[in-house]
Amino acid sequence: MEFGLSTHLFVGERLTSHILDRIFATGIRKIEFFAARQHLDYHDKNQVRDLALWFKDHELTLHSMHAPLYGDLD
């Protein structure tokens, strides 16, 4: 059985490569992005590009993306 992790665990923080590094260090190789704009601002091209670049250098699978629950930043 392979385990995965949702970045919802870190929803109070902006999703960065540092968080992905922490997940990667645990040995987990599948993650779900939780698309809350205060965490993952999918409208911010720089944040999306930075995360995409991180994936190019790591063997980690973006297994799924959780759709946004709310339209605002709260």
N, C-alpha and C. Protein backbone atom coordinates (compact mmCIF):
# COMPACT_ATOMS: atom_id res chain seq x y z
N MET A 1 0.85 -1.17 0.00
CA MET A 1 0.00 0.00 0.00
C MET A 1 0.90 1.24 0.00
N GLU A 2 0.56 2.18 -0.85
CA GLU A 2 1.26 3.45 -0.88
C GLU A 2 0.41 4.51 -0.19
N PHE A 3 1.04 5.29 0.64
CA PHE A 3 0.34 6.36 1.33
C PHE A 3 0.60 7.68 0.63
N GLY A 4 -0.34 8.57 0.74
CA GLY A 4 -0.19 9.92 0.21
C GLY A 4 -0.51 10.91 1.31
N LEU A 5 -0.32 12.18 1.02
CA LEU A 5 -0.57 13.23 2.00
C LEU A 5 -1.18 14.43 1.31
N SER A 6 -2.17 15.01 1.94
CA SER A 6 -2.76 16.24 1.43
C SER A 6 -2.03 17.43 2.05
N THR A 7 -1.80 18.45 1.25
CA THR A 7 -1.17 19.65 1.79
C THR A 7 -2.14 20.42 2.68
N HIS A 8 -3.37 19.92 2.82
CA HIS A 8 -4.31 20.52 3.76
C HIS A 8 -3.71 20.58 5.16
N LEU A 9 -2.83 19.66 5.45
CA LEU A 9 -2.14 19.65 6.74
C LEU A 9 -1.43 20.97 6.99
N PHE A 10 -1.04 21.66 5.92
CA PHE A 10 -0.31 22.92 6.01
C PHE A 10 -1.14 24.10 5.53
N VAL A 11 -2.46 23.98 5.56
CA VAL A 11 -3.34 24.98 4.96
C VAL A 11 -3.15 26.38 5.54
N GLY A 12 -2.64 26.48 6.73
CA GLY A 12 -2.41 27.78 7.36
C GLY A 12 -1.16 28.49 6.85
N GLU A 13 -0.39 27.81 5.99
CA GLU A 13 0.85 28.37 5.44
C GLU A 13 0.75 28.42 3.92
N ARG A 14 1.49 29.33 3.32
CA ARG A 14 1.58 29.37 1.86
C ARG A 14 2.37 28.14 1.40
N LEU A 15 1.87 27.43 0.41
CA LEU A 15 2.55 26.23 -0.09
C LEU A 15 3.81 26.63 -0.84
N THR A 16 4.94 26.15 -0.36
CA THR A 16 6.24 26.46 -0.94
C THR A 16 7.07 25.18 -1.10
N SER A 17 8.22 25.32 -1.71
CA SER A 17 9.12 24.18 -1.84
C SER A 17 9.59 23.68 -0.49
N HIS A 18 9.62 24.53 0.51
CA HIS A 18 10.04 24.10 1.86
C HIS A 18 9.05 23.09 2.43
N ILE A 19 7.77 23.31 2.20
CA ILE A 19 6.76 22.35 2.65
C ILE A 19 6.89 21.06 1.86
N LEU A 20 7.08 21.18 0.56
CA LEU A 20 7.26 19.97 -0.26
C LEU A 20 8.50 19.21 0.17
N ASP A 21 9.57 19.91 0.54
CA ASP A 21 10.78 19.25 1.05
C ASP A 21 10.47 18.47 2.33
N ARG A 22 9.68 19.05 3.20
CA ARG A 22 9.31 18.37 4.46
C ARG A 22 8.52 17.10 4.17
N ILE A 23 7.59 17.17 3.24
CA ILE A 23 6.81 15.99 2.87
C ILE A 23 7.72 14.94 2.25
N PHE A 24 8.56 15.36 1.34
CA PHE A 24 9.48 14.45 0.65
C PHE A 24 10.39 13.73 1.64
N ALA A 25 10.83 14.43 2.66
CA ALA A 25 11.74 13.86 3.65
C ALA A 25 11.10 12.71 4.45
N THR A 26 9.79 12.66 4.49
CA THR A 26 9.11 11.58 5.22
C THR A 26 9.08 10.27 4.46
N GLY A 27 9.37 10.33 3.16
CA GLY A 27 9.30 9.14 2.32
C GLY A 27 7.99 9.03 1.55
N ILE A 28 7.05 9.92 1.82
CA ILE A 28 5.79 9.94 1.07
C ILE A 28 6.08 10.43 -0.34
N ARG A 29 5.53 9.72 -1.34
CA ARG A 29 5.82 10.07 -2.73
C ARG A 29 4.58 10.45 -3.53
N LYS A 30 3.43 10.54 -2.87
CA LYS A 30 2.21 10.99 -3.54
C LYS A 30 1.56 12.06 -2.67
N ILE A 31 1.22 13.18 -3.29
CA ILE A 31 0.57 14.23 -2.52
C ILE A 31 -0.65 14.77 -3.26
N GLU A 32 -1.51 15.37 -2.47
CA GLU A 32 -2.66 16.09 -2.99
C GLU A 32 -2.46 17.55 -2.64
N PHE A 33 -2.58 18.42 -3.63
CA PHE A 33 -2.58 19.86 -3.37
C PHE A 33 -3.97 20.26 -2.91
N PHE A 34 -4.03 20.98 -1.83
CA PHE A 34 -5.28 21.54 -1.35
C PHE A 34 -5.34 22.98 -1.84
N ALA A 35 -6.27 23.26 -2.73
CA ALA A 35 -6.29 24.54 -3.43
C ALA A 35 -7.12 25.60 -2.71
N ALA A 36 -6.69 25.95 -1.52
CA ALA A 36 -7.25 27.11 -0.83
C ALA A 36 -6.31 28.27 -1.15
N ARG A 37 -6.86 29.38 -1.59
CA ARG A 37 -5.99 30.44 -2.14
C ARG A 37 -4.98 30.99 -1.14
N GLN A 38 -5.27 30.97 0.15
CA GLN A 38 -4.27 31.43 1.12
C GLN A 38 -3.10 30.43 1.22
N HIS A 39 -3.30 29.23 0.73
CA HIS A 39 -2.30 28.17 0.78
C HIS A 39 -1.67 27.97 -0.60
N LEU A 40 -2.49 27.73 -1.58
CA LEU A 40 -2.05 27.57 -2.97
C LEU A 40 -2.88 28.53 -3.81
N ASP A 41 -2.29 29.65 -4.14
CA ASP A 41 -2.98 30.64 -4.95
C ASP A 41 -2.78 30.28 -6.41
N TYR A 42 -3.71 29.52 -6.94
CA TYR A 42 -3.62 29.01 -8.31
C TYR A 42 -3.70 30.13 -9.35
N HIS A 43 -3.99 31.37 -8.93
CA HIS A 43 -3.96 32.52 -9.83
C HIS A 43 -2.57 33.18 -9.87
N ASP A 44 -1.71 32.78 -8.94
CA ASP A 44 -0.36 33.35 -8.84
C ASP A 44 0.60 32.52 -9.69
N LYS A 45 0.91 33.03 -10.89
CA LYS A 45 1.76 32.28 -11.81
C LYS A 45 3.14 31.99 -11.22
N ASN A 46 3.66 32.89 -10.39
CA ASN A 46 4.98 32.67 -9.79
C ASN A 46 4.96 31.51 -8.81
N GLN A 47 3.93 31.43 -7.99
CA GLN A 47 3.83 30.32 -7.05
C GLN A 47 3.68 29.00 -7.79
N VAL A 48 2.82 28.97 -8.79
CA VAL A 48 2.61 27.75 -9.57
C VAL A 48 3.90 27.33 -10.26
N ARG A 49 4.62 28.28 -10.84
CA ARG A 49 5.88 27.98 -11.53
C ARG A 49 6.93 27.45 -10.55
N ASP A 50 7.04 28.06 -9.38
CA ASP A 50 8.00 27.60 -8.37
C ASP A 50 7.72 26.17 -7.95
N LEU A 51 6.46 25.84 -7.75
CA LEU A 51 6.10 24.48 -7.37
C LEU A 51 6.38 23.50 -8.50
N ALA A 52 6.08 23.90 -9.73
CA ALA A 52 6.35 23.03 -10.88
C ALA A 52 7.85 22.76 -11.02
N LEU A 53 8.67 23.79 -10.81
CA LEU A 53 10.12 23.59 -10.89
C LEU A 53 10.61 22.63 -9.81
N TRP A 54 10.01 22.69 -8.64
CA TRP A 54 10.40 21.77 -7.57
C TRP A 54 10.16 20.33 -8.01
N PHE A 55 9.02 20.07 -8.65
CA PHE A 55 8.69 18.71 -9.08
C PHE A 55 9.67 18.18 -10.12
N LYS A 56 10.26 19.06 -10.91
CA LYS A 56 11.22 18.61 -11.93
C LYS A 56 12.44 17.95 -11.30
N ASP A 57 12.76 18.33 -10.05
CA ASP A 57 13.96 17.83 -9.39
C ASP A 57 13.69 16.73 -8.36
N HIS A 58 12.44 16.32 -8.20
CA HIS A 58 12.11 15.35 -7.15
C HIS A 58 11.18 14.26 -7.71
N GLU A 59 11.35 13.08 -7.18
CA GLU A 59 10.49 11.97 -7.57
C GLU A 59 9.29 11.93 -6.64
N LEU A 60 8.39 12.81 -6.88
CA LEU A 60 7.17 12.91 -6.09
C LEU A 60 6.03 13.10 -7.07
N THR A 61 4.93 12.41 -6.83
CA THR A 61 3.79 12.48 -7.74
C THR A 61 2.72 13.40 -7.18
N LEU A 62 2.29 14.34 -8.00
CA LEU A 62 1.11 15.11 -7.64
C LEU A 62 -0.07 14.21 -7.98
N HIS A 63 -0.58 13.54 -6.98
CA HIS A 63 -1.60 12.51 -7.18
C HIS A 63 -2.97 13.10 -7.47
N SER A 64 -3.27 14.24 -6.83
CA SER A 64 -4.57 14.87 -7.05
C SER A 64 -4.52 16.32 -6.60
N MET A 65 -5.55 17.04 -7.00
CA MET A 65 -5.70 18.42 -6.56
C MET A 65 -7.12 18.57 -6.03
N HIS A 66 -7.21 19.00 -4.79
CA HIS A 66 -8.51 19.22 -4.19
C HIS A 66 -9.04 20.55 -4.67
N ALA A 67 -10.22 20.53 -5.26
CA ALA A 67 -10.82 21.76 -5.78
C ALA A 67 -11.06 22.75 -4.65
N PRO A 68 -11.01 24.04 -4.96
CA PRO A 68 -11.27 25.06 -3.93
C PRO A 68 -12.68 24.91 -3.36
N LEU A 69 -12.77 25.15 -2.06
CA LEU A 69 -14.07 25.09 -1.39
C LEU A 69 -14.74 26.44 -1.33
N TYR A 70 -13.92 27.51 -1.34
CA TYR A 70 -14.42 28.87 -1.20
C TYR A 70 -13.76 29.76 -2.24
N GLY A 71 -14.44 30.81 -2.65
CA GLY A 71 -13.91 31.70 -3.66
C GLY A 71 -13.04 32.81 -3.11
N ASP A 72 -13.01 33.00 -1.80
CA ASP A 72 -12.22 34.09 -1.23
C ASP A 72 -10.95 33.57 -0.56
N LEU A 73 -10.21 34.45 0.08
CA LEU A 73 -8.94 34.07 0.71
C LEU A 73 -9.08 33.64 2.15
N ASP A 74 -10.28 33.59 2.68
CA ASP A 74 -10.47 33.13 4.06
C ASP A 74 -10.55 31.65 4.07
